[in-house]
N, C-alpha and C. Protein backbone atom coordinates (compact mmCIF):
# COMPACT_ATOMS: atom_id res chain seq x y z
N MET A 1 -6.51 -8.84 9.73
CA MET A 1 -6.80 -8.48 8.35
C MET A 1 -5.52 -8.16 7.57
N ALA A 2 -4.50 -7.72 8.26
CA ALA A 2 -3.26 -7.33 7.60
C ALA A 2 -2.64 -8.45 6.77
N PRO A 3 -2.64 -9.72 7.23
CA PRO A 3 -2.06 -10.76 6.36
C PRO A 3 -2.79 -10.91 5.03
N TRP A 4 -4.09 -10.66 4.98
CA TRP A 4 -4.84 -10.76 3.74
C TRP A 4 -4.53 -9.60 2.80
N VAL A 5 -4.19 -8.46 3.35
CA VAL A 5 -3.90 -7.27 2.56
C VAL A 5 -2.43 -7.24 2.14
N PHE A 6 -1.58 -7.85 2.93
CA PHE A 6 -0.13 -7.78 2.71
C PHE A 6 0.29 -8.35 1.37
N LEU A 7 -0.14 -9.55 1.04
CA LEU A 7 0.34 -10.21 -0.18
C LEU A 7 -0.07 -9.47 -1.45
N PRO A 8 -1.34 -9.07 -1.62
CA PRO A 8 -1.67 -8.31 -2.83
C PRO A 8 -0.91 -6.98 -2.93
N LEU A 9 -0.73 -6.30 -1.81
CA LEU A 9 0.02 -5.04 -1.84
C LEU A 9 1.49 -5.29 -2.17
N LEU A 10 2.05 -6.35 -1.63
CA LEU A 10 3.45 -6.69 -1.93
C LEU A 10 3.61 -7.02 -3.41
N ILE A 11 2.70 -7.81 -3.96
CA ILE A 11 2.75 -8.16 -5.38
C ILE A 11 2.64 -6.90 -6.24
N SER A 12 1.72 -6.02 -5.90
CA SER A 12 1.56 -4.78 -6.66
C SER A 12 2.81 -3.90 -6.59
N ALA A 13 3.38 -3.79 -5.41
CA ALA A 13 4.58 -2.95 -5.25
C ALA A 13 5.76 -3.53 -6.02
N LEU A 14 5.99 -4.82 -5.88
CA LEU A 14 7.14 -5.45 -6.53
C LEU A 14 7.00 -5.46 -8.05
N THR A 15 5.82 -5.79 -8.54
CA THR A 15 5.64 -5.83 -10.00
C THR A 15 5.64 -4.42 -10.59
N GLY A 16 5.11 -3.44 -9.87
CA GLY A 16 5.11 -2.07 -10.36
C GLY A 16 6.51 -1.51 -10.50
N ILE A 17 7.32 -1.71 -9.48
CA ILE A 17 8.69 -1.19 -9.55
C ILE A 17 9.55 -2.00 -10.52
N SER A 18 9.31 -3.30 -10.59
CA SER A 18 10.06 -4.14 -11.55
C SER A 18 9.74 -3.74 -12.98
N TYR A 19 8.48 -3.46 -13.25
CA TYR A 19 8.08 -3.02 -14.60
C TYR A 19 8.78 -1.72 -14.96
N ARG A 20 8.71 -0.74 -14.05
CA ARG A 20 9.29 0.56 -14.34
C ARG A 20 10.80 0.48 -14.52
N VAL A 21 11.48 -0.25 -13.65
CA VAL A 21 12.94 -0.38 -13.73
C VAL A 21 13.32 -1.14 -15.01
N SER A 22 12.62 -2.23 -15.29
CA SER A 22 12.93 -3.03 -16.48
C SER A 22 12.73 -2.22 -17.76
N LYS A 23 11.66 -1.45 -17.80
CA LYS A 23 11.32 -0.69 -19.01
C LYS A 23 12.22 0.54 -19.17
N ASP A 24 12.37 1.30 -18.11
CA ASP A 24 13.09 2.58 -18.22
C ASP A 24 14.60 2.47 -18.07
N LEU A 25 15.04 1.68 -17.11
CA LEU A 25 16.48 1.62 -16.85
C LEU A 25 17.19 0.48 -17.58
N LEU A 26 16.50 -0.64 -17.74
CA LEU A 26 17.15 -1.80 -18.38
C LEU A 26 16.86 -1.89 -19.87
N GLY A 27 15.96 -1.07 -20.37
CA GLY A 27 15.72 -0.97 -21.80
C GLY A 27 14.83 -2.03 -22.41
N TYR A 28 14.08 -2.76 -21.60
CA TYR A 28 13.15 -3.75 -22.16
C TYR A 28 11.98 -3.03 -22.81
N SER A 29 11.42 -3.66 -23.84
CA SER A 29 10.26 -3.07 -24.50
C SER A 29 9.01 -3.31 -23.66
N ARG A 30 7.97 -2.57 -23.97
CA ARG A 30 6.70 -2.71 -23.25
C ARG A 30 6.16 -4.12 -23.39
N ASP A 31 6.29 -4.69 -24.57
CA ASP A 31 5.78 -6.05 -24.80
C ASP A 31 6.55 -7.11 -24.01
N GLU A 32 7.85 -6.88 -23.80
CA GLU A 32 8.66 -7.85 -23.07
C GLU A 32 8.33 -7.91 -21.58
N VAL A 33 7.87 -6.81 -21.02
CA VAL A 33 7.59 -6.77 -19.59
C VAL A 33 6.11 -6.58 -19.28
N HIS A 34 5.26 -6.77 -20.29
CA HIS A 34 3.82 -6.61 -20.08
C HIS A 34 3.28 -7.60 -19.04
N TRP A 35 3.91 -8.76 -18.93
CA TRP A 35 3.45 -9.76 -17.95
C TRP A 35 3.53 -9.21 -16.53
N LEU A 36 4.51 -8.34 -16.28
CA LEU A 36 4.60 -7.71 -14.96
C LEU A 36 3.41 -6.78 -14.72
N MET A 37 3.03 -6.03 -15.73
CA MET A 37 1.89 -5.13 -15.59
C MET A 37 0.60 -5.93 -15.48
N SER A 38 0.52 -7.08 -16.11
CA SER A 38 -0.66 -7.94 -15.98
C SER A 38 -0.82 -8.41 -14.54
N LEU A 39 0.29 -8.78 -13.91
CA LEU A 39 0.24 -9.16 -12.50
C LEU A 39 -0.10 -7.95 -11.62
N HIS A 40 0.52 -6.83 -11.93
CA HIS A 40 0.33 -5.60 -11.14
C HIS A 40 -1.13 -5.15 -11.11
N GLU A 41 -1.78 -5.21 -12.25
CA GLU A 41 -3.15 -4.71 -12.36
C GLU A 41 -4.20 -5.78 -12.13
N GLY A 42 -3.80 -7.05 -12.00
CA GLY A 42 -4.75 -8.12 -11.79
C GLY A 42 -5.47 -8.55 -13.05
N GLU A 43 -4.87 -8.32 -14.22
CA GLU A 43 -5.48 -8.71 -15.49
C GLU A 43 -5.76 -10.21 -15.57
N TRP A 44 -4.97 -10.99 -14.88
CA TRP A 44 -5.09 -12.44 -14.92
C TRP A 44 -6.40 -12.92 -14.28
N LEU A 45 -7.12 -12.02 -13.61
CA LEU A 45 -8.40 -12.37 -12.98
C LEU A 45 -9.60 -12.13 -13.89
N GLY A 46 -9.38 -11.60 -15.09
CA GLY A 46 -10.47 -11.28 -16.00
C GLY A 46 -10.96 -9.86 -15.75
N ASP A 47 -11.92 -9.43 -16.55
CA ASP A 47 -12.40 -8.04 -16.48
C ASP A 47 -13.02 -7.70 -15.11
N ASN A 48 -13.95 -8.53 -14.66
CA ASN A 48 -14.59 -8.25 -13.37
C ASN A 48 -13.62 -8.46 -12.22
N GLY A 49 -12.79 -9.48 -12.30
CA GLY A 49 -11.82 -9.75 -11.25
C GLY A 49 -10.78 -8.66 -11.13
N GLU A 50 -10.39 -8.09 -12.27
CA GLU A 50 -9.41 -7.00 -12.27
C GLU A 50 -9.97 -5.79 -11.52
N LEU A 51 -11.21 -5.44 -11.78
CA LEU A 51 -11.84 -4.31 -11.11
C LEU A 51 -11.93 -4.56 -9.60
N ILE A 52 -12.36 -5.75 -9.23
CA ILE A 52 -12.47 -6.10 -7.80
C ILE A 52 -11.10 -6.08 -7.14
N TYR A 53 -10.09 -6.62 -7.83
CA TYR A 53 -8.72 -6.65 -7.30
C TYR A 53 -8.20 -5.24 -7.04
N VAL A 54 -8.40 -4.34 -7.98
CA VAL A 54 -7.91 -2.97 -7.85
C VAL A 54 -8.65 -2.25 -6.71
N ILE A 55 -9.97 -2.42 -6.64
CA ILE A 55 -10.74 -1.77 -5.59
C ILE A 55 -10.34 -2.29 -4.21
N LEU A 56 -10.25 -3.61 -4.07
CA LEU A 56 -9.87 -4.18 -2.77
C LEU A 56 -8.44 -3.83 -2.39
N ASN A 57 -7.56 -3.80 -3.38
CA ASN A 57 -6.17 -3.41 -3.11
C ASN A 57 -6.11 -1.96 -2.62
N SER A 58 -6.88 -1.09 -3.25
CA SER A 58 -6.91 0.32 -2.84
C SER A 58 -7.50 0.48 -1.45
N LEU A 59 -8.61 -0.19 -1.19
CA LEU A 59 -9.22 -0.12 0.15
C LEU A 59 -8.28 -0.70 1.21
N GLY A 60 -7.58 -1.77 0.87
CA GLY A 60 -6.62 -2.36 1.80
C GLY A 60 -5.49 -1.42 2.12
N LEU A 61 -5.00 -0.71 1.11
CA LEU A 61 -3.92 0.25 1.34
C LEU A 61 -4.40 1.41 2.21
N ILE A 62 -5.59 1.90 1.94
CA ILE A 62 -6.15 2.99 2.75
C ILE A 62 -6.33 2.51 4.20
N TRP A 63 -6.84 1.30 4.37
CA TRP A 63 -7.03 0.74 5.71
C TRP A 63 -5.70 0.61 6.45
N MET A 64 -4.67 0.12 5.75
CA MET A 64 -3.34 -0.03 6.38
C MET A 64 -2.78 1.35 6.76
N LEU A 65 -2.99 2.35 5.93
CA LEU A 65 -2.51 3.70 6.25
C LEU A 65 -3.21 4.27 7.48
N ILE A 66 -4.52 4.09 7.54
CA ILE A 66 -5.28 4.61 8.68
C ILE A 66 -4.87 3.91 9.98
N THR A 67 -4.84 2.59 9.96
CA THR A 67 -4.49 1.87 11.19
C THR A 67 -3.02 2.09 11.56
N GLY A 68 -2.16 2.22 10.58
CA GLY A 68 -0.76 2.51 10.86
C GLY A 68 -0.59 3.87 11.51
N PHE A 69 -1.34 4.85 11.00
CA PHE A 69 -1.28 6.19 11.60
C PHE A 69 -1.81 6.16 13.02
N GLN A 70 -2.87 5.40 13.26
CA GLN A 70 -3.42 5.30 14.61
C GLN A 70 -2.40 4.69 15.57
N MET A 71 -1.72 3.63 15.14
CA MET A 71 -0.70 3.01 16.00
C MET A 71 0.46 3.97 16.24
N PHE A 72 0.85 4.71 15.19
CA PHE A 72 1.94 5.67 15.31
C PHE A 72 1.58 6.79 16.28
N SER A 73 0.35 7.28 16.19
CA SER A 73 -0.05 8.39 17.06
C SER A 73 -0.19 7.95 18.51
N LYS A 74 -0.53 6.69 18.74
CA LYS A 74 -0.60 6.18 20.12
C LYS A 74 0.80 5.97 20.71
N LYS A 75 1.75 5.62 19.85
CA LYS A 75 3.12 5.38 20.31
C LYS A 75 3.79 6.68 20.75
N ILE A 76 3.51 7.73 20.02
CA ILE A 76 4.06 9.04 20.38
C ILE A 76 3.09 9.69 21.34
N SER A 77 3.52 9.85 22.57
CA SER A 77 2.64 10.47 23.55
C SER A 77 2.92 11.97 23.55
N PHE A 78 1.92 12.71 23.18
CA PHE A 78 2.07 14.14 23.16
C PHE A 78 1.90 14.67 24.58
N PRO A 79 2.82 15.49 25.05
CA PRO A 79 2.69 16.01 26.41
C PRO A 79 1.44 16.89 26.54
N LYS A 80 0.72 16.68 27.63
CA LYS A 80 -0.46 17.49 27.90
C LYS A 80 -0.05 18.79 28.55
N LYS A 81 -0.77 19.82 28.20
CA LYS A 81 -0.51 21.11 28.84
C LYS A 81 -1.07 21.09 30.24
N VAL A 82 -0.29 21.52 31.20
CA VAL A 82 -0.72 21.56 32.59
C VAL A 82 -1.20 22.97 32.89
N THR A 83 -2.45 23.04 33.32
CA THR A 83 -2.98 24.38 33.67
C THR A 83 -2.59 24.72 35.10
N LYS A 84 -2.76 25.94 35.48
CA LYS A 84 -2.34 26.42 36.80
C LYS A 84 -3.02 25.66 37.93
N GLY A 85 -4.28 25.31 37.77
CA GLY A 85 -5.02 24.61 38.82
C GLY A 85 -4.59 23.15 38.97
N GLU A 86 -4.01 22.56 37.92
CA GLU A 86 -3.62 21.16 37.97
C GLU A 86 -2.18 20.96 38.43
N ALA A 87 -1.40 22.00 38.46
CA ALA A 87 0.02 21.88 38.82
C ALA A 87 0.17 21.46 40.27
N LYS A 88 1.06 20.50 40.51
CA LYS A 88 1.34 20.06 41.86
C LYS A 88 2.58 20.77 42.36
N GLY A 89 2.61 20.98 43.64
CA GLY A 89 3.85 21.56 44.11
C GLY A 89 3.70 22.48 45.18
């Protein structure tokens, strides 16, 4: 599922940061960089498509965060406490 979620999230991240940098740091007007926000928000899909794009993008991000945390927590093995009865020696 990650390949299907990756591209929309990448597009949203790149267009969001490009819009902010272009507008705030490079001095472009809102009208000059509105095309970036149109891509970012999925406006090019129409009213219903934009809503679906935003919802699916949000759910995809939440899913990636949950599964990423699960992989991270499995990679880090937390030492188990050894009780007196379980100690060898």
